[in-house]
Amino acid sequence: MRKPNSALRTREYLLESEINLMLEAARKSKRYPHRNYCLVLLMFRHGLRVSEASFLEWSQIDLDSETIYVRRLKGSKASTHPLKTIEIMALKLLERTNQNPYVFLSERNQPLARRTIQYIIKDLGQRANLGFPTHPHMMRHACGYRLANDGIDTRAIGEYLGHTQMQSTVIYTELSPHQFDNFFED
């Protein structure tokens, strides 16, 4: 029988410093370092679910206008996000070797399977020595947690992640250690 998540790890999100360790582990990978780096970067920065990353197509990315159209699943709202310089550079490098409609490909030139993405994230978490098992949805939670920590408006975070219910977004502001910063002045 599978142990509950709370027995495996104390939280369901990653800190940005942990994401950075995973990105560094991806860079050092012997197999597909750039694809895996780009996968982790986009999943974190755009709060992609595993299936959204798996079926991400080049037609959703406009490198000239520096945007990515995030087609959400599970009844969530789609949106267009800006791409930052590091993402554009990573995508341009990946695009040079990829003539397929899908962004993240397997050895067989097919979209990465959910199971493969789950394995990649778990492996990178281990190689980054995080000390607890990682899974792809932790990237989405890391995105929401980071935005909440940066003081981004809860409604804007919900729009960014495609939430249709505010309750889905409030969890990130509840997790933020900065939510009480201005309660008392010294």
N, C-alpha and C. Protein backbone atom coordinates (compact mmCIF):
# COMPACT_ATOMS: atom_id res chain seq x y z
N MET A 1 0.84 -1.19 0.00
CA MET A 1 0.00 0.00 0.00
C MET A 1 0.89 1.25 0.00
N ARG A 2 0.51 2.24 -0.78
CA ARG A 2 1.28 3.48 -0.90
C ARG A 2 1.12 4.32 0.36
N LYS A 3 2.25 4.89 0.82
CA LYS A 3 2.23 5.78 1.98
C LYS A 3 1.59 7.10 1.58
N PRO A 4 0.95 7.78 2.54
CA PRO A 4 0.40 9.11 2.22
C PRO A 4 1.55 10.09 1.97
N ASN A 5 1.26 11.12 1.17
CA ASN A 5 2.28 12.11 0.84
C ASN A 5 2.93 12.71 2.09
N SER A 6 2.15 12.94 3.13
CA SER A 6 2.68 13.55 4.35
C SER A 6 3.73 12.67 5.03
N ALA A 7 3.71 11.37 4.75
CA ALA A 7 4.73 10.48 5.30
C ALA A 7 6.01 10.51 4.46
N LEU A 8 5.89 10.98 3.22
CA LEU A 8 7.04 11.01 2.32
C LEU A 8 7.77 12.35 2.34
N ARG A 9 7.03 13.45 2.56
CA ARG A 9 7.62 14.80 2.52
C ARG A 9 6.76 15.73 3.35
N THR A 10 7.37 16.80 3.81
CA THR A 10 6.66 17.72 4.69
C THR A 10 5.84 18.75 3.92
N ARG A 11 6.10 18.90 2.62
CA ARG A 11 5.36 19.88 1.82
C ARG A 11 5.20 19.37 0.40
N GLU A 12 4.23 19.95 -0.30
CA GLU A 12 3.92 19.52 -1.67
C GLU A 12 4.38 20.53 -2.72
N TYR A 13 5.27 21.41 -2.36
CA TYR A 13 5.82 22.37 -3.31
C TYR A 13 7.33 22.40 -3.15
N LEU A 14 7.98 22.94 -4.14
CA LEU A 14 9.43 23.11 -4.10
C LEU A 14 9.75 24.58 -3.94
N LEU A 15 10.84 24.86 -3.28
CA LEU A 15 11.34 26.23 -3.19
C LEU A 15 12.10 26.54 -4.47
N GLU A 16 12.23 27.81 -4.79
CA GLU A 16 12.95 28.18 -6.00
C GLU A 16 14.40 27.69 -5.95
N SER A 17 15.01 27.69 -4.77
CA SER A 17 16.38 27.18 -4.64
C SER A 17 16.44 25.69 -4.99
N GLU A 18 15.40 24.94 -4.67
CA GLU A 18 15.35 23.52 -5.01
C GLU A 18 15.14 23.33 -6.51
N ILE A 19 14.32 24.18 -7.11
CA ILE A 19 14.15 24.15 -8.57
C ILE A 19 15.50 24.40 -9.23
N ASN A 20 16.24 25.38 -8.72
CA ASN A 20 17.55 25.70 -9.29
C ASN A 20 18.51 24.51 -9.18
N LEU A 21 18.46 23.77 -8.09
CA LEU A 21 19.28 22.56 -7.95
C LEU A 21 18.87 21.51 -8.98
N MET A 22 17.59 21.39 -9.23
CA MET A 22 17.11 20.44 -10.24
C MET A 22 17.53 20.89 -11.64
N LEU A 23 17.48 22.20 -11.90
CA LEU A 23 17.93 22.70 -13.20
C LEU A 23 19.42 22.41 -13.41
N GLU A 24 20.20 22.57 -12.36
CA GLU A 24 21.63 22.27 -12.45
C GLU A 24 21.85 20.77 -12.67
N ALA A 25 21.07 19.94 -12.00
CA ALA A 25 21.16 18.49 -12.20
C ALA A 25 20.79 18.14 -13.64
N ALA A 26 19.80 18.82 -14.20
CA ALA A 26 19.40 18.58 -15.59
C ALA A 26 20.55 18.94 -16.53
N ARG A 27 21.21 20.08 -16.28
CA ARG A 27 22.34 20.51 -17.12
C ARG A 27 23.46 19.47 -17.14
N LYS A 28 23.62 18.78 -16.02
CA LYS A 28 24.71 17.79 -15.90
C LYS A 28 24.30 16.40 -16.37
N SER A 29 23.06 16.25 -16.81
CA SER A 29 22.57 14.95 -17.27
C SER A 29 23.37 14.47 -18.48
N LYS A 30 23.57 13.18 -18.53
CA LYS A 30 24.25 12.59 -19.68
C LYS A 30 23.30 12.47 -20.88
N ARG A 31 22.03 12.28 -20.59
CA ARG A 31 21.04 12.11 -21.65
C ARG A 31 20.05 13.27 -21.63
N TYR A 32 19.89 13.91 -22.75
CA TYR A 32 18.91 14.98 -22.96
C TYR A 32 19.00 16.11 -21.93
N PRO A 33 20.17 16.61 -21.66
CA PRO A 33 20.28 17.66 -20.63
C PRO A 33 19.49 18.91 -20.98
N HIS A 34 19.52 19.31 -22.22
CA HIS A 34 18.84 20.56 -22.56
C HIS A 34 17.32 20.40 -22.56
N ARG A 35 16.84 19.28 -23.08
CA ARG A 35 15.39 19.04 -23.07
C ARG A 35 14.88 19.02 -21.62
N ASN A 36 15.59 18.32 -20.75
CA ASN A 36 15.15 18.20 -19.36
C ASN A 36 15.24 19.54 -18.62
N TYR A 37 16.27 20.31 -18.92
CA TYR A 37 16.41 21.65 -18.34
C TYR A 37 15.21 22.52 -18.76
N CYS A 38 14.92 22.53 -20.03
CA CYS A 38 13.82 23.33 -20.57
C CYS A 38 12.48 22.86 -19.99
N LEU A 39 12.30 21.56 -19.85
CA LEU A 39 11.08 20.99 -19.28
C LEU A 39 10.85 21.50 -17.87
N VAL A 40 11.88 21.40 -17.01
CA VAL A 40 11.75 21.85 -15.62
C VAL A 40 11.50 23.36 -15.57
N LEU A 41 12.24 24.10 -16.38
CA LEU A 41 12.12 25.56 -16.40
C LEU A 41 10.70 25.99 -16.76
N LEU A 42 10.15 25.42 -17.83
CA LEU A 42 8.81 25.82 -18.28
C LEU A 42 7.72 25.32 -17.33
N MET A 43 7.88 24.10 -16.81
CA MET A 43 6.87 23.59 -15.87
C MET A 43 6.80 24.49 -14.64
N PHE A 44 7.97 24.92 -14.15
CA PHE A 44 8.01 25.79 -12.98
C PHE A 44 7.50 27.20 -13.30
N ARG A 45 8.05 27.81 -14.32
CA ARG A 45 7.74 29.21 -14.60
C ARG A 45 6.30 29.44 -15.07
N HIS A 46 5.68 28.41 -15.65
CA HIS A 46 4.32 28.59 -16.17
C HIS A 46 3.30 27.69 -15.47
N GLY A 47 3.74 27.02 -14.41
CA GLY A 47 2.82 26.20 -13.63
C GLY A 47 2.16 25.11 -14.45
N LEU A 48 2.94 24.48 -15.34
CA LEU A 48 2.37 23.47 -16.22
C LEU A 48 2.10 22.16 -15.49
N ARG A 49 0.96 21.60 -15.75
CA ARG A 49 0.68 20.22 -15.32
C ARG A 49 1.47 19.29 -16.23
N VAL A 50 1.63 18.04 -15.80
CA VAL A 50 2.42 17.10 -16.57
C VAL A 50 1.85 16.91 -17.98
N SER A 51 0.54 16.81 -18.13
CA SER A 51 -0.05 16.64 -19.46
C SER A 51 0.07 17.89 -20.31
N GLU A 52 0.03 19.05 -19.67
CA GLU A 52 0.19 20.30 -20.41
C GLU A 52 1.61 20.41 -20.97
N ALA A 53 2.59 19.93 -20.22
CA ALA A 53 3.98 19.91 -20.71
C ALA A 53 4.14 18.85 -21.79
N SER A 54 3.54 17.69 -21.57
CA SER A 54 3.66 16.59 -22.52
C SER A 54 3.15 16.97 -23.91
N PHE A 55 2.03 17.67 -23.94
CA PHE A 55 1.40 18.00 -25.22
C PHE A 55 1.64 19.46 -25.65
N LEU A 56 2.64 20.11 -25.07
CA LEU A 56 2.98 21.46 -25.47
C LEU A 56 3.50 21.44 -26.91
N GLU A 57 2.93 22.28 -27.75
CA GLU A 57 3.31 22.32 -29.16
C GLU A 57 4.03 23.63 -29.48
N TRP A 58 4.88 23.56 -30.50
CA TRP A 58 5.60 24.76 -30.95
C TRP A 58 4.64 25.85 -31.41
N SER A 59 3.46 25.45 -31.90
CA SER A 59 2.48 26.45 -32.35
C SER A 59 1.96 27.30 -31.19
N GLN A 60 2.16 26.86 -29.95
CA GLN A 60 1.75 27.61 -28.77
C GLN A 60 2.81 28.63 -28.35
N ILE A 61 3.97 28.54 -28.96
CA ILE A 61 5.10 29.40 -28.59
C ILE A 61 5.39 30.36 -29.73
N ASP A 62 5.45 31.63 -29.39
CA ASP A 62 5.79 32.66 -30.37
C ASP A 62 7.06 33.35 -29.87
N LEU A 63 8.19 32.91 -30.40
CA LEU A 63 9.46 33.45 -29.95
C LEU A 63 9.64 34.90 -30.38
N ASP A 64 9.02 35.29 -31.48
CA ASP A 64 9.12 36.68 -31.94
C ASP A 64 8.42 37.65 -30.98
N SER A 65 7.22 37.28 -30.55
CA SER A 65 6.49 38.15 -29.61
C SER A 65 6.78 37.78 -28.16
N GLU A 66 7.62 36.76 -27.96
CA GLU A 66 8.06 36.33 -26.63
C GLU A 66 6.89 35.94 -25.73
N THR A 67 6.02 35.08 -26.28
CA THR A 67 4.86 34.61 -25.52
C THR A 67 4.69 33.11 -25.68
N ILE A 68 3.98 32.56 -24.72
CA ILE A 68 3.58 31.15 -24.76
C ILE A 68 2.09 31.10 -24.43
N TYR A 69 1.35 30.41 -25.29
CA TYR A 69 -0.08 30.21 -25.05
C TYR A 69 -0.20 28.92 -24.26
N VAL A 70 -0.66 29.04 -23.02
CA VAL A 70 -0.79 27.87 -22.14
C VAL A 70 -2.20 27.35 -22.25
N ARG A 71 -2.31 26.21 -22.94
CA ARG A 71 -3.60 25.55 -23.11
C ARG A 71 -3.78 24.64 -21.89
N ARG A 72 -4.63 25.06 -20.98
CA ARG A 72 -4.82 24.34 -19.72
C ARG A 72 -5.75 23.14 -19.91
N LEU A 73 -5.58 22.18 -19.03
CA LEU A 73 -6.43 21.00 -19.00
C LEU A 73 -7.26 21.02 -17.72
N LYS A 74 -8.04 20.00 -17.51
CA LYS A 74 -8.85 19.83 -16.31
C LYS A 74 -9.83 20.98 -16.09
N GLY A 75 -10.36 21.55 -17.17
CA GLY A 75 -11.35 22.60 -17.06
C GLY A 75 -10.79 23.95 -16.66
N SER A 76 -9.48 24.09 -16.67
CA SER A 76 -8.85 25.36 -16.32
C SER A 76 -8.87 26.31 -17.50
N LYS A 77 -8.65 27.61 -17.23
CA LYS A 77 -8.69 28.63 -18.26
C LYS A 77 -7.32 28.78 -18.92
N ALA A 78 -7.32 28.81 -20.23
CA ALA A 78 -6.09 29.04 -20.99
C ALA A 78 -5.68 30.50 -20.86
N SER A 79 -4.40 30.77 -21.06
CA SER A 79 -3.92 32.15 -21.03
C SER A 79 -2.60 32.26 -21.79
N THR A 80 -2.24 33.48 -22.11
CA THR A 80 -0.98 33.74 -22.78
C THR A 80 -0.03 34.38 -21.77
N HIS A 81 1.15 33.77 -21.64
CA HIS A 81 2.15 34.25 -20.69
C HIS A 81 3.34 34.83 -21.44
N PRO A 82 4.00 35.81 -20.84
CA PRO A 82 5.25 36.30 -21.44
C PRO A 82 6.37 35.28 -21.21
N LEU A 83 7.27 35.21 -22.15
CA LEU A 83 8.47 34.39 -21.99
C LEU A 83 9.62 35.32 -21.62
N LYS A 84 10.43 34.91 -20.67
CA LYS A 84 11.58 35.68 -20.25
C LYS A 84 12.81 35.21 -21.04
N THR A 85 13.86 35.99 -20.99
CA THR A 85 15.06 35.76 -21.79
C THR A 85 15.60 34.34 -21.63
N ILE A 86 15.71 33.86 -20.40
CA ILE A 86 16.27 32.53 -20.17
C ILE A 86 15.42 31.44 -20.83
N GLU A 87 14.11 31.63 -20.82
CA GLU A 87 13.20 30.67 -21.44
C GLU A 87 13.33 30.72 -22.97
N ILE A 88 13.42 31.92 -23.50
CA ILE A 88 13.56 32.09 -24.96
C ILE A 88 14.84 31.43 -25.45
N MET A 89 15.92 31.66 -24.72
CA MET A 89 17.20 31.05 -25.11
C MET A 89 17.11 29.53 -25.06
N ALA A 90 16.52 29.00 -24.01
CA ALA A 90 16.38 27.55 -23.87
C ALA A 90 15.51 26.97 -24.98
N LEU A 91 14.42 27.65 -25.30
CA LEU A 91 13.52 27.17 -26.35
C LEU A 91 14.16 27.25 -27.72
N LYS A 92 14.91 28.32 -28.00
CA LYS A 92 15.58 28.44 -29.29
C LYS A 92 16.60 27.33 -29.49
N LEU A 93 17.33 27.00 -28.44
CA LEU A 93 18.30 25.91 -28.52
C LEU A 93 17.61 24.57 -28.75
N LEU A 94 16.50 24.37 -28.07
CA LEU A 94 15.74 23.12 -28.22
C LEU A 94 15.12 23.03 -29.61
N GLU A 95 14.65 24.16 -30.12
CA GLU A 95 13.99 24.20 -31.44
C GLU A 95 14.95 23.80 -32.57
N ARG A 96 16.23 24.10 -32.40
CA ARG A 96 17.22 23.78 -33.45
C ARG A 96 17.27 22.29 -33.78
N THR A 97 17.01 21.45 -32.77
CA THR A 97 17.11 20.00 -32.97
C THR A 97 15.75 19.33 -33.05
N ASN A 98 14.69 20.12 -33.11
CA ASN A 98 13.35 19.56 -33.03
C ASN A 98 12.50 20.06 -34.20
N GLN A 99 12.16 19.16 -35.10
CA GLN A 99 11.31 19.51 -36.24
C GLN A 99 9.90 18.94 -36.08
N ASN A 100 9.59 18.48 -34.88
CA ASN A 100 8.30 17.89 -34.55
C ASN A 100 7.35 18.98 -34.06
N PRO A 101 6.04 18.80 -34.21
CA PRO A 101 5.10 19.80 -33.68
C PRO A 101 5.15 19.93 -32.15
N TYR A 102 5.58 18.87 -31.45
CA TYR A 102 5.63 18.89 -29.98
C TYR A 102 6.99 19.35 -29.49
N VAL A 103 7.00 20.04 -28.37
CA VAL A 103 8.23 20.63 -27.84
C VAL A 103 9.11 19.59 -27.16
N PHE A 104 8.53 18.78 -26.30
CA PHE A 104 9.31 17.82 -25.50
C PHE A 104 9.14 16.41 -26.06
N LEU A 105 10.22 15.90 -26.65
CA LEU A 105 10.16 14.63 -27.37
C LEU A 105 10.93 13.52 -26.69
N SER A 106 10.46 12.30 -26.93
CA SER A 106 11.16 11.10 -26.48
C SER A 106 12.18 10.68 -27.53
N GLU A 107 12.90 9.62 -27.25
CA GLU A 107 13.86 9.06 -28.22
C GLU A 107 13.18 8.66 -29.52
N ARG A 108 11.92 8.31 -29.43
CA ARG A 108 11.16 7.86 -30.60
C ARG A 108 10.49 9.02 -31.34
N ASN A 109 10.88 10.24 -30.98
CA ASN A 109 10.36 11.44 -31.64
C ASN A 109 8.85 11.61 -31.42
N GLN A 110 8.38 11.19 -30.25
CA GLN A 110 6.99 11.32 -29.84
C GLN A 110 6.92 12.24 -28.62
N PRO A 111 5.75 12.82 -28.34
CA PRO A 111 5.64 13.64 -27.12
C PRO A 111 6.01 12.79 -25.89
N LEU A 112 6.70 13.40 -24.95
CA LEU A 112 7.05 12.68 -23.72
C LEU A 112 5.79 12.16 -23.05
N ALA A 113 5.82 10.93 -22.62
CA ALA A 113 4.69 10.35 -21.91
C ALA A 113 4.66 10.89 -20.48
N ARG A 114 3.48 10.89 -19.89
CA ARG A 114 3.33 11.32 -18.49
C ARG A 114 4.32 10.58 -17.59
N ARG A 115 4.39 9.29 -17.78
CA ARG A 115 5.26 8.46 -16.94
C ARG A 115 6.73 8.87 -17.10
N THR A 116 7.12 9.22 -18.31
CA THR A 116 8.50 9.65 -18.56
C THR A 116 8.79 10.96 -17.84
N ILE A 117 7.86 11.90 -17.91
CA ILE A 117 8.04 13.18 -17.21
C ILE A 117 8.10 12.94 -15.71
N GLN A 118 7.24 12.07 -15.21
CA GLN A 118 7.28 11.75 -13.78
C GLN A 118 8.65 11.18 -13.39
N TYR A 119 9.18 10.30 -14.22
CA TYR A 119 10.50 9.73 -13.96
C TYR A 119 11.59 10.80 -13.99
N ILE A 120 11.55 11.68 -14.99
CA ILE A 120 12.56 12.74 -15.12
C ILE A 120 12.57 13.61 -13.87
N ILE A 121 11.41 14.04 -13.42
CA ILE A 121 11.31 14.92 -12.24
C ILE A 121 11.79 14.19 -10.99
N LYS A 122 11.40 12.95 -10.84
CA LYS A 122 11.84 12.17 -9.68
C LYS A 122 13.35 12.00 -9.71
N ASP A 123 13.90 11.67 -10.86
CA ASP A 123 15.35 11.46 -11.00
C ASP A 123 16.12 12.75 -10.74
N LEU A 124 15.66 13.85 -11.29
CA LEU A 124 16.36 15.12 -11.07
C LEU A 124 16.30 15.54 -9.60
N GLY A 125 15.19 15.27 -8.94
CA GLY A 125 15.10 15.55 -7.51
C GLY A 125 16.10 14.74 -6.71
N GLN A 126 16.27 13.48 -7.09
CA GLN A 126 17.26 12.63 -6.42
C GLN A 126 18.67 13.11 -6.69
N ARG A 127 18.96 13.42 -7.95
CA ARG A 127 20.31 13.87 -8.31
C ARG A 127 20.63 15.25 -7.74
N ALA A 128 19.59 16.03 -7.45
CA ALA A 128 19.79 17.33 -6.82
C ALA A 128 19.92 17.20 -5.29
N ASN A 129 19.80 15.97 -4.79
CA ASN A 129 19.93 15.68 -3.36
C ASN A 129 18.95 16.49 -2.50
N LEU A 130 17.70 16.51 -2.94
CA LEU A 130 16.70 17.27 -2.19
C LEU A 130 16.29 16.58 -0.89
N GLY A 131 16.48 15.27 -0.83
CA GLY A 131 16.19 14.56 0.41
C GLY A 131 14.76 14.08 0.56
N PHE A 132 13.95 14.26 -0.47
CA PHE A 132 12.57 13.77 -0.45
C PHE A 132 12.16 13.51 -1.89
N PRO A 133 11.18 12.62 -2.10
CA PRO A 133 10.75 12.33 -3.46
C PRO A 133 10.01 13.51 -4.09
N THR A 134 10.28 13.73 -5.36
CA THR A 134 9.64 14.83 -6.09
C THR A 134 8.72 14.27 -7.17
N HIS A 135 7.72 15.06 -7.53
CA HIS A 135 6.81 14.68 -8.60
C HIS A 135 6.47 15.94 -9.41
N PRO A 136 6.00 15.77 -10.64
CA PRO A 136 5.79 16.93 -11.52
C PRO A 136 4.84 18.00 -10.98
N HIS A 137 3.82 17.61 -10.25
CA HIS A 137 2.86 18.62 -9.79
C HIS A 137 3.49 19.58 -8.78
N MET A 138 4.60 19.18 -8.20
CA MET A 138 5.32 20.06 -7.27
C MET A 138 5.83 21.31 -8.00
N MET A 139 6.06 21.18 -9.32
CA MET A 139 6.49 22.33 -10.12
C MET A 139 5.38 23.38 -10.18
N ARG A 140 4.16 22.92 -10.39
CA ARG A 140 3.01 23.83 -10.45
C ARG A 140 2.82 24.52 -9.11
N HIS A 141 2.91 23.74 -8.03
CA HIS A 141 2.78 24.33 -6.70
C HIS A 141 3.93 25.30 -6.41
N ALA A 142 5.12 24.97 -6.88
CA ALA A 142 6.27 25.86 -6.69
C ALA A 142 6.03 27.20 -7.38
N CYS A 143 5.42 27.16 -8.54
CA CYS A 143 5.10 28.39 -9.26
C CYS A 143 4.15 29.25 -8.43
N GLY A 144 3.05 28.68 -7.97
CA GLY A 144 2.09 29.43 -7.16
C GLY A 144 2.70 29.95 -5.88
N TYR A 145 3.51 29.13 -5.23
CA TYR A 145 4.17 29.52 -3.98
C TYR A 145 5.11 30.69 -4.24
N ARG A 146 5.90 30.62 -5.30
CA ARG A 146 6.85 31.69 -5.64
C ARG A 146 6.11 33.01 -5.91
N LEU A 147 5.04 32.94 -6.69
CA LEU A 147 4.28 34.15 -7.00
C LEU A 147 3.66 34.76 -5.75
N ALA A 148 3.13 33.92 -4.87
CA ALA A 148 2.55 34.41 -3.62
C ALA A 148 3.62 35.04 -2.75
N ASN A 149 4.80 34.43 -2.68
CA ASN A 149 5.90 34.98 -1.90
C ASN A 149 6.37 36.32 -2.44
N ASP A 150 6.24 36.51 -3.74
CA ASP A 150 6.63 37.77 -4.36
C ASP A 150 5.56 38.85 -4.18
N GLY A 151 4.47 38.50 -3.50
CA GLY A 151 3.42 39.48 -3.23
C GLY A 151 2.46 39.71 -4.39
N ILE A 152 2.45 38.79 -5.35
CA ILE A 152 1.53 38.93 -6.48
C ILE A 152 0.10 38.73 -5.98
N ASP A 153 -0.81 39.53 -6.50
CA ASP A 153 -2.22 39.48 -6.13
C ASP A 153 -2.78 38.06 -6.34
N THR A 154 -3.55 37.60 -5.39
CA THR A 154 -4.12 36.25 -5.45
C THR A 154 -4.93 36.01 -6.71
N ARG A 155 -5.71 37.01 -7.10
CA ARG A 155 -6.52 36.87 -8.31
C ARG A 155 -5.62 36.70 -9.55
N ALA A 156 -4.53 37.45 -9.60
CA ALA A 156 -3.60 37.36 -10.73
C ALA A 156 -2.93 35.98 -10.76
N ILE A 157 -2.59 35.45 -9.60
CA ILE A 157 -2.00 34.10 -9.54
C ILE A 157 -2.99 33.08 -10.08
N GLY A 158 -4.25 33.22 -9.67
CA GLY A 158 -5.30 32.32 -10.16
C GLY A 158 -5.44 32.38 -11.67
N GLU A 159 -5.41 33.57 -12.23
CA GLU A 159 -5.49 33.73 -13.69
C GLU A 159 -4.28 33.09 -14.36
N TYR A 160 -3.11 33.31 -13.81
CA TYR A 160 -1.87 32.78 -14.37
C TYR A 160 -1.89 31.25 -14.41
N LEU A 161 -2.41 30.65 -13.34
CA LEU A 161 -2.46 29.19 -13.25
C LEU A 161 -3.72 28.59 -13.87
N GLY A 162 -4.63 29.46 -14.34
CA GLY A 162 -5.82 28.98 -15.01
C GLY A 162 -6.92 28.52 -14.08
N HIS A 163 -6.84 28.90 -12.81
CA HIS A 163 -7.85 28.47 -11.85
C HIS A 163 -9.20 29.11 -12.16
N THR A 164 -10.24 28.32 -12.02
CA THR A 164 -11.60 28.84 -12.17
C THR A 164 -12.23 29.11 -10.81
N GLN A 165 -11.66 28.56 -9.76
CA GLN A 165 -12.15 28.75 -8.39
C GLN A 165 -11.07 29.40 -7.54
N MET A 166 -11.41 30.46 -6.84
CA MET A 166 -10.44 31.17 -6.00
C MET A 166 -9.87 30.27 -4.90
N GLN A 167 -10.65 29.28 -4.45
CA GLN A 167 -10.17 28.37 -3.40
C GLN A 167 -8.92 27.63 -3.84
N SER A 168 -8.80 27.38 -5.12
CA SER A 168 -7.62 26.69 -5.63
C SER A 168 -6.37 27.54 -5.52
N THR A 169 -6.53 28.85 -5.52
CA THR A 169 -5.40 29.77 -5.48
C THR A 169 -5.03 30.17 -4.06
N VAL A 170 -6.02 30.26 -3.20
CA VAL A 170 -5.79 30.74 -1.84
C VAL A 170 -4.74 29.91 -1.11
N ILE A 171 -4.62 28.64 -1.44
CA ILE A 171 -3.63 27.78 -0.77
C ILE A 171 -2.23 28.37 -0.85
N TYR A 172 -1.88 29.02 -1.95
CA TYR A 172 -0.54 29.56 -2.10
C TYR A 172 -0.30 30.75 -1.19
N THR A 173 -1.32 31.57 -1.00
CA THR A 173 -1.14 32.70 -0.09
C THR A 173 -1.12 32.21 1.36
N GLU A 174 -1.80 31.11 1.64
CA GLU A 174 -1.76 30.53 2.98
C GLU A 174 -0.38 29.98 3.29
N LEU A 175 0.32 29.49 2.27
CA LEU A 175 1.65 28.92 2.45
C LEU A 175 2.74 29.98 2.60
N SER A 176 2.49 31.16 2.09
CA SER A 176 3.51 32.20 2.06
C SER A 176 3.89 32.66 3.46
N PRO A 177 5.18 32.64 3.80
CA PRO A 177 5.60 33.12 5.12
C PRO A 177 5.51 34.64 5.22
N HIS A 178 5.30 35.32 4.10
CA HIS A 178 5.26 36.78 4.10
C HIS A 178 3.85 37.34 4.29
N GLN A 179 2.86 36.48 4.41
CA GLN A 179 1.49 36.98 4.51
C GLN A 179 1.26 37.82 5.77
N PHE A 180 2.09 37.62 6.80
CA PHE A 180 1.91 38.35 8.06
C PHE A 180 2.98 39.42 8.28
N ASP A 181 3.80 39.70 7.29
CA ASP A 181 4.95 40.60 7.45
C ASP A 181 4.59 41.97 8.02
N ASN A 182 3.50 42.55 7.61
CA ASN A 182 3.18 43.92 8.01
C ASN A 182 2.19 44.00 9.18
N PHE A 183 2.00 42.92 9.90
CA PHE A 183 1.03 42.93 10.99
C PHE A 183 1.47 43.80 12.17
N PHE A 184 2.75 43.81 12.49
CA PHE A 184 3.27 44.61 13.59
C PHE A 184 4.52 45.34 13.11
N GLU A 185 4.63 46.57 13.52
CA GLU A 185 5.83 47.35 13.21
C GLU A 185 6.74 47.30 14.43
N ASP A 186 8.04 47.33 14.23
CA ASP A 186 8.98 47.30 15.36
C ASP A 186 8.95 48.58 16.17
